[in-house]
Amino acid sequence: MRIKVKIKRCDPTGRGGCEPYLQAYDVDVKEGMTILETLMWIKENLDGTLSFRRSCRSAICGSCALVVNGTPKLACKTQILREYEGAREVVLSPLSNFRVIKDLVVDLSPLWDKIGRIEPWLQPGSEPPEGGWIITKDEVERIDRESRCILCGICNSGCNSQEVDPEFIGPSAAAKVYRFVGDVREDGKRRRLERVSGPHGIWDCSRCVMCNEYCPKRVEPMTSIEKLRVEAIREGLVDNAGARHVEALVDSVNRVGRLDEAVYTFRSLGFLRSIGMIPLGIRLELHGKMPLPHIFPAIEGIEEVRELIRAVEEEE
């Protein structure tokens, strides 16, 4: 079957200074043929100047990550006919949120820098006992998902927070943090949590769930970020807007059984910083969207809600 494959290209040596453009190739494809095999065929038979990354061809190294019809994927495990049948076209682009070097090759230095800053190695507090540590199955399963990460950059490419704030720790590095925070042998847990609890850290995640959706190894980085938030609060690292917001939410539900959104800004940002939100509050009021404080009694059955909260706190 012959289809047209469009590739978003960029030539840094050209006059446009890597100005992106689409180039189409007519390719004969067959059942089971992958995007990576298609790219290799184009390079070998049609255009030797085409640039892309590849290595293992087994969805292990993460080198061949790119964007297929708007969704970041691994080229080596994505079948081209499946993509064509779904969208009636195949458009290949470099990963988003990274600087393009040439064609489908991007600069992954920001990803590696963030991974390096979180010190991705175990930091035990003592030497292993004679015969080594004995790790239970449950303890291994606690960090199993995070251990699957192949650092392909797909989650960072699809991350909305990363797009808005390039300094955001990113889902990939955050997952690596929990891989060690959740390890029973780790002694630097609090220090790791302190590093990611400040600006550009775990509380800046918008919870768009794109990293969970796109991850080719089912690492679920957003879930890792949620677990890091829980651990940070348990360690008493609550001097930030994100943790204060969570505490305000729990307090509101415990008090009246509802979400008292009107007090969130003051509890999360504090009085002085909340003053800067007055213009936004006025615009919300003009559009009838300004929440009012709950002045009504607690909901019926509030004791049952409070009992649930107490049960969770006691379990923790």
Protein backbone atom coordinates (compact mmCIF):
# COMPACT_ATOMS: atom_id res chain seq x y z
CA MET A 1 0.00 0.00 0.00
CA ARG A 2 1.40 3.38 -0.97
CA ILE A 3 0.82 6.29 1.38
CA LYS A 4 2.22 9.78 1.78
CA VAL A 5 4.36 10.37 4.86
CA LYS A 6 4.85 14.00 5.89
CA ILE A 7 7.86 14.88 8.01
CA LYS A 8 8.43 18.18 9.78
CA ARG A 9 12.01 19.03 8.89
CA CYS A 10 14.55 21.64 9.93
CA ASP A 11 17.99 22.28 8.40
CA PRO A 12 20.28 24.33 10.69
CA THR A 13 22.67 24.94 7.77
CA GLY A 14 19.95 26.43 5.56
CA ARG A 15 19.16 30.08 5.02
CA GLY A 16 16.10 29.89 7.21
CA GLY A 17 18.13 29.06 10.31
CA CYS A 18 16.26 25.81 11.00
CA GLU A 19 12.91 27.26 9.96
CA PRO A 20 10.57 24.23 10.04
CA TYR A 21 8.90 22.95 6.88
CA LEU A 22 6.92 19.86 5.88
CA GLN A 23 8.33 17.44 3.35
CA ALA A 24 6.24 14.61 1.90
CA TYR A 25 7.47 11.19 0.81
CA ASP A 26 5.57 8.48 -1.06
CA VAL A 27 6.24 5.19 0.69
CA ASP A 28 5.10 1.63 0.06
CA VAL A 29 4.13 0.23 3.45
CA LYS A 30 2.99 -3.18 4.57
CA GLU A 31 1.23 -4.69 7.55
CA GLY A 32 3.38 -4.66 10.68
CA MET A 33 5.80 -2.01 9.38
CA THR A 34 6.81 0.46 12.09
CA ILE A 35 7.40 4.20 11.91
CA LEU A 36 11.10 3.58 12.52
CA GLU A 37 11.32 1.09 9.67
CA THR A 38 9.60 3.66 7.46
CA LEU A 39 12.12 6.35 8.39
CA MET A 40 15.02 3.99 7.74
CA TRP A 41 13.56 3.11 4.33
CA ILE A 42 13.16 6.77 3.41
CA LYS A 43 16.74 7.53 4.44
CA GLU A 44 18.15 4.56 2.53
CA ASN A 45 16.08 4.93 -0.65
CA LEU A 46 14.73 8.47 -0.97
CA ASP A 47 16.60 11.03 1.11
CA GLY A 48 19.92 10.42 2.81
CA THR A 49 19.84 13.86 4.46
CA LEU A 50 16.92 12.94 6.75
CA SER A 51 17.99 12.92 10.42
CA PHE A 52 16.44 10.99 13.31
CA ARG A 53 17.60 8.99 16.31
CA ARG A 54 17.43 5.23 16.77
CA SER A 55 19.26 2.47 18.58
CA CYS A 56 17.76 -0.67 20.11
CA ARG A 57 14.59 -1.00 17.96
CA SER A 58 13.03 -2.79 20.95
CA ALA A 59 11.35 0.02 22.97
CA ILE A 60 14.13 -0.09 25.55
CA CYS A 61 16.52 2.80 24.80
CA GLY A 62 13.95 5.53 24.10
CA SER A 63 16.11 7.08 21.36
CA CYS A 64 13.47 7.07 18.61
CA ALA A 65 10.85 9.15 20.43
CA LEU A 66 8.99 11.58 18.17
CA VAL A 67 5.51 12.99 17.59
CA VAL A 68 3.14 10.97 15.37
CA ASN A 69 0.00 12.79 14.25
CA GLY A 70 0.24 15.08 17.26
CA THR A 71 0.96 12.40 19.87
CA PRO A 72 4.46 11.61 21.22
CA LYS A 73 5.37 7.95 20.72
CA LEU A 74 8.27 5.57 20.19
CA ALA A 75 8.83 5.08 16.46
CA CYS A 76 10.07 1.50 16.94
CA LYS A 77 6.81 0.23 18.49
CA THR A 78 4.30 2.28 16.49
CA GLN A 79 2.90 0.65 13.36
CA ILE A 80 2.49 3.06 10.49
CA LEU A 81 -0.67 1.52 9.01
CA ARG A 82 -2.46 1.78 12.35
CA GLU A 83 -1.65 5.49 12.45
CA TYR A 84 -2.71 5.98 8.83
CA GLU A 85 -5.98 4.11 9.28
CA GLY A 86 -6.87 6.22 12.29
CA ALA A 87 -6.07 9.68 10.87
CA ARG A 88 -5.90 9.02 7.08
CA GLU A 89 -2.47 10.64 7.15
CA VAL A 90 0.92 10.29 8.83
CA VAL A 91 2.67 13.45 10.00
CA LEU A 92 5.94 13.02 11.91
CA SER A 93 7.36 15.84 14.06
CA PRO A 94 10.15 16.24 16.61
CA LEU A 95 9.33 16.08 20.32
CA SER A 96 7.66 19.22 21.69
CA ASN A 97 9.16 21.29 24.53
CA PHE A 98 12.70 20.63 23.27
CA ARG A 99 14.94 22.67 20.95
CA VAL A 100 15.18 21.11 17.50
CA ILE A 101 18.71 20.36 16.31
CA LYS A 102 17.84 18.93 12.89
CA ASP A 103 14.71 17.33 11.48
CA LEU A 104 13.45 14.85 14.11
CA VAL A 105 16.49 15.21 16.39
CA VAL A 106 16.03 17.40 19.49
CA ASP A 107 18.37 18.64 22.19
CA LEU A 108 17.70 16.53 25.29
CA SER A 109 20.22 18.41 27.46
CA PRO A 110 17.49 20.00 29.66
CA LEU A 111 16.13 16.53 30.43
CA TRP A 112 19.56 15.18 31.37
CA ASP A 113 20.33 18.29 33.44
CA LYS A 114 17.18 17.79 35.52
CA ILE A 115 17.89 14.10 35.95
CA GLY A 116 21.40 14.94 37.11
CA ARG A 117 20.19 17.53 39.62
CA ILE A 118 18.00 15.02 41.45
CA GLU A 119 21.04 12.74 41.99
CA PRO A 120 19.61 9.54 40.45
CA TRP A 121 21.42 7.04 42.61
CA LEU A 122 20.67 5.30 45.88
CA GLN A 123 21.95 7.06 49.02
CA PRO A 124 21.76 4.51 51.86
CA GLY A 125 22.61 5.57 55.38
CA SER A 126 24.84 2.60 56.07
CA GLU A 127 26.70 -0.24 54.43
CA PRO A 128 24.55 -3.22 53.45
CA PRO A 129 24.37 -5.96 56.08
CA GLU A 130 26.33 -9.14 55.63
CA GLY A 131 24.75 -11.05 52.77
CA GLY A 132 23.08 -7.89 51.41
CA TRP A 133 19.72 -6.27 52.00
CA ILE A 134 16.63 -8.45 51.95
CA ILE A 135 13.94 -6.62 49.97
CA THR A 136 10.39 -7.93 50.10
CA LYS A 137 8.13 -8.26 47.10
CA ASP A 138 5.89 -5.45 48.38
CA GLU A 139 8.90 -3.15 48.76
CA VAL A 140 9.98 -3.85 45.20
CA GLU A 141 6.48 -3.31 43.82
CA ARG A 142 6.34 0.08 45.57
CA ILE A 143 8.87 1.49 43.08
CA ASP A 144 8.34 -0.93 40.20
CA ARG A 145 6.62 1.53 37.87
CA GLU A 146 9.22 4.24 38.39
CA SER A 147 12.01 1.74 37.72
CA ARG A 148 10.64 1.11 34.22
CA CYS A 149 11.47 4.65 32.99
CA ILE A 150 13.72 4.64 29.91
CA LEU A 151 14.22 8.44 29.82
CA CYS A 152 12.79 8.79 26.34
CA GLY A 153 11.49 12.32 27.02
CA ILE A 154 7.96 11.57 25.80
CA CYS A 155 6.34 12.60 29.09
CA ASN A 156 8.21 15.93 29.10
CA SER A 157 7.18 16.50 25.50
CA GLY A 158 3.50 16.17 26.36
CA CYS A 159 3.70 18.08 29.66
CA ASN A 160 1.63 21.28 29.84
CA SER A 161 3.56 22.59 32.86
CA GLN A 162 6.83 22.01 31.02
CA GLU A 163 5.53 24.04 28.09
CA VAL A 164 4.67 26.99 30.33
CA ASP A 165 7.72 26.72 32.62
CA PRO A 166 10.90 25.22 31.09
CA GLU A 167 12.40 25.12 34.60
CA PHE A 168 9.67 22.79 35.88
CA ILE A 169 11.26 19.58 37.17
CA GLY A 170 9.25 17.59 34.63
CA PRO A 171 7.47 14.26 34.98
CA SER A 172 10.49 12.14 34.04
CA ALA A 173 12.80 13.52 36.76
CA ALA A 174 9.95 13.49 39.29
CA ALA A 175 9.36 9.79 38.64
CA LYS A 176 13.06 9.17 39.22
CA VAL A 177 12.87 11.04 42.52
CA TYR A 178 10.15 8.72 43.78
CA ARG A 179 12.09 5.70 42.60
CA PHE A 180 14.57 6.55 45.40
CA VAL A 181 12.20 8.20 47.91
CA GLY A 182 10.13 5.01 47.84
CA ASP A 183 13.16 2.73 48.24
CA VAL A 184 13.40 1.31 51.78
CA ARG A 185 17.22 1.52 51.62
CA GLU A 186 17.23 5.28 50.92
CA ASP A 187 18.48 7.56 53.71
CA GLY A 188 18.22 10.91 51.90
CA LYS A 189 14.45 10.91 51.59
CA ARG A 190 13.75 14.26 53.29
CA ARG A 191 16.56 16.04 51.47
CA ARG A 192 15.24 14.80 48.13
CA LEU A 193 11.73 15.95 49.01
CA GLU A 194 13.00 19.38 50.07
CA ARG A 195 14.64 19.82 46.68
CA VAL A 196 11.44 19.22 44.75
CA SER A 197 9.00 21.00 47.07
CA GLY A 198 10.01 24.54 46.12
CA PRO A 199 9.50 26.63 42.96
CA HIS A 200 9.37 24.63 39.68
CA GLY A 201 8.85 21.47 41.74
CA ILE A 202 6.16 18.86 42.28
CA TRP A 203 3.47 21.36 43.29
CA ASP A 204 3.69 23.06 39.87
CA CYS A 205 2.28 19.99 38.11
CA SER A 206 -1.07 20.91 36.52
CA ARG A 207 -2.30 17.29 36.72
CA CYS A 208 -3.22 17.24 33.03
CA VAL A 209 -2.49 13.46 33.03
CA MET A 210 -0.77 13.68 29.63
CA CYS A 211 2.42 12.06 30.96
CA ASN A 212 0.45 9.05 32.20
CA GLU A 213 -1.42 8.87 28.91
CA TYR A 214 1.64 9.03 26.66
CA CYS A 215 4.26 7.04 28.61
CA PRO A 216 5.22 3.99 26.49
CA LYS A 217 6.34 2.01 29.57
CA ARG A 218 3.32 2.82 31.80
CA VAL A 219 5.45 4.55 34.40
CA GLU A 220 2.59 6.96 35.25
CA PRO A 221 4.78 9.96 36.25
CA MET A 222 1.84 12.05 37.42
CA THR A 223 0.99 9.32 39.92
CA SER A 224 4.61 9.48 41.12
CA ILE A 225 4.23 13.24 41.62
CA GLU A 226 1.09 12.64 43.67
CA LYS A 227 2.97 10.16 45.85
CA LEU A 228 5.82 12.64 46.30
CA ARG A 229 3.32 15.27 47.45
CA VAL A 230 1.94 12.87 50.04
CA GLU A 231 5.43 12.05 51.31
CA ALA A 232 6.37 15.74 51.45
CA ILE A 233 3.35 16.57 53.61
CA ARG A 234 4.11 13.61 55.88
CA GLU A 235 7.62 15.01 56.31
CA GLY A 236 6.18 18.37 57.31
CA LEU A 237 7.30 20.18 54.14
CA VAL A 238 4.21 22.37 53.93
CA ASP A 239 5.69 25.87 53.59
CA ASN A 240 4.50 26.29 50.01
CA ALA A 241 1.27 27.23 48.26
CA GLY A 242 0.59 23.70 47.00
CA ALA A 243 0.75 22.00 50.39
CA ARG A 244 -1.22 24.80 52.04
CA HIS A 245 -3.88 24.41 49.36
CA VAL A 246 -4.22 20.72 50.17
CA GLU A 247 -4.45 21.43 53.89
CA ALA A 248 -7.11 24.08 53.23
CA LEU A 249 -9.13 21.59 51.19
CA VAL A 250 -9.02 18.94 53.92
CA ASP A 251 -9.89 21.51 56.58
CA SER A 252 -12.85 22.74 54.54
CA VAL A 253 -14.28 19.25 54.03
CA ASN A 254 -13.71 18.40 57.69
CA ARG A 255 -15.39 21.63 58.81
CA VAL A 256 -18.51 21.84 56.63
CA GLY A 257 -18.37 18.86 54.27
CA ARG A 258 -17.92 21.13 51.24
CA LEU A 259 -15.11 22.76 49.27
CA ASP A 260 -14.93 26.35 50.53
CA GLU A 261 -13.20 27.80 47.45
CA ALA A 262 -13.47 31.38 48.67
CA VAL A 263 -10.84 30.81 51.37
CA TYR A 264 -8.41 28.83 49.21
CA THR A 265 -6.52 31.86 47.94
CA PHE A 266 -5.88 33.24 51.43
CA ARG A 267 -4.91 29.85 52.87
CA SER A 268 -2.70 28.96 49.91
CA LEU A 269 -0.96 32.29 49.17
CA GLY A 270 -1.30 34.16 52.46
CA PHE A 271 -2.92 37.56 53.02
CA LEU A 272 -0.26 39.77 51.41
CA ARG A 273 0.11 37.75 48.22
CA SER A 274 -3.65 37.39 47.98
CA ILE A 275 -3.95 41.16 47.62
CA GLY A 276 -2.44 40.80 44.18
CA MET A 277 -5.36 38.56 43.22
CA ILE A 278 -7.92 41.35 43.77
CA PRO A 279 -8.11 42.30 40.04
CA LEU A 280 -8.84 38.65 39.18
CA GLY A 281 -11.47 38.54 41.92
CA ILE A 282 -13.17 41.61 40.47
CA ARG A 283 -13.29 40.06 37.00
CA LEU A 284 -14.74 36.85 38.48
CA GLU A 285 -17.39 38.87 40.33
CA LEU A 286 -18.35 40.74 37.14
CA HIS A 287 -18.93 37.41 35.41
CA GLY A 288 -20.84 35.92 38.32
CA LYS A 289 -18.11 33.40 39.10
CA MET A 290 -16.83 34.71 42.41
CA PRO A 291 -17.28 31.98 45.05
CA LEU A 292 -18.63 33.13 48.39
CA PRO A 293 -17.54 31.76 51.77
CA HIS A 294 -19.68 28.97 53.18
CA ILE A 295 -21.70 30.55 55.98
CA PHE A 296 -24.25 27.79 56.12
CA PRO A 297 -24.17 24.91 58.61
CA ALA A 298 -22.26 21.76 57.82
CA ILE A 299 -23.87 19.21 55.53
CA GLU A 300 -26.10 16.50 56.90
CA GLY A 301 -24.00 13.54 57.98
CA ILE A 302 -20.85 15.61 58.56
CA GLU A 303 -19.78 13.27 61.36
CA GLU A 304 -19.53 10.43 58.89
CA VAL A 305 -17.22 12.56 56.70
CA ARG A 306 -15.10 13.46 59.72
CA GLU A 307 -14.91 9.83 60.75
CA LEU A 308 -13.55 8.92 57.31
CA ILE A 309 -10.91 11.62 57.59
CA ARG A 310 -9.90 10.43 61.06
CA ALA A 311 -9.69 6.83 59.85
CA VAL A 312 -7.32 7.82 57.03
CA GLU A 313 -5.16 9.89 59.37
CA GLU A 314 -4.92 7.04 61.88
CA GLU A 315 -3.99 4.57 59.14
CA GLU A 316 -1.18 6.85 57.98
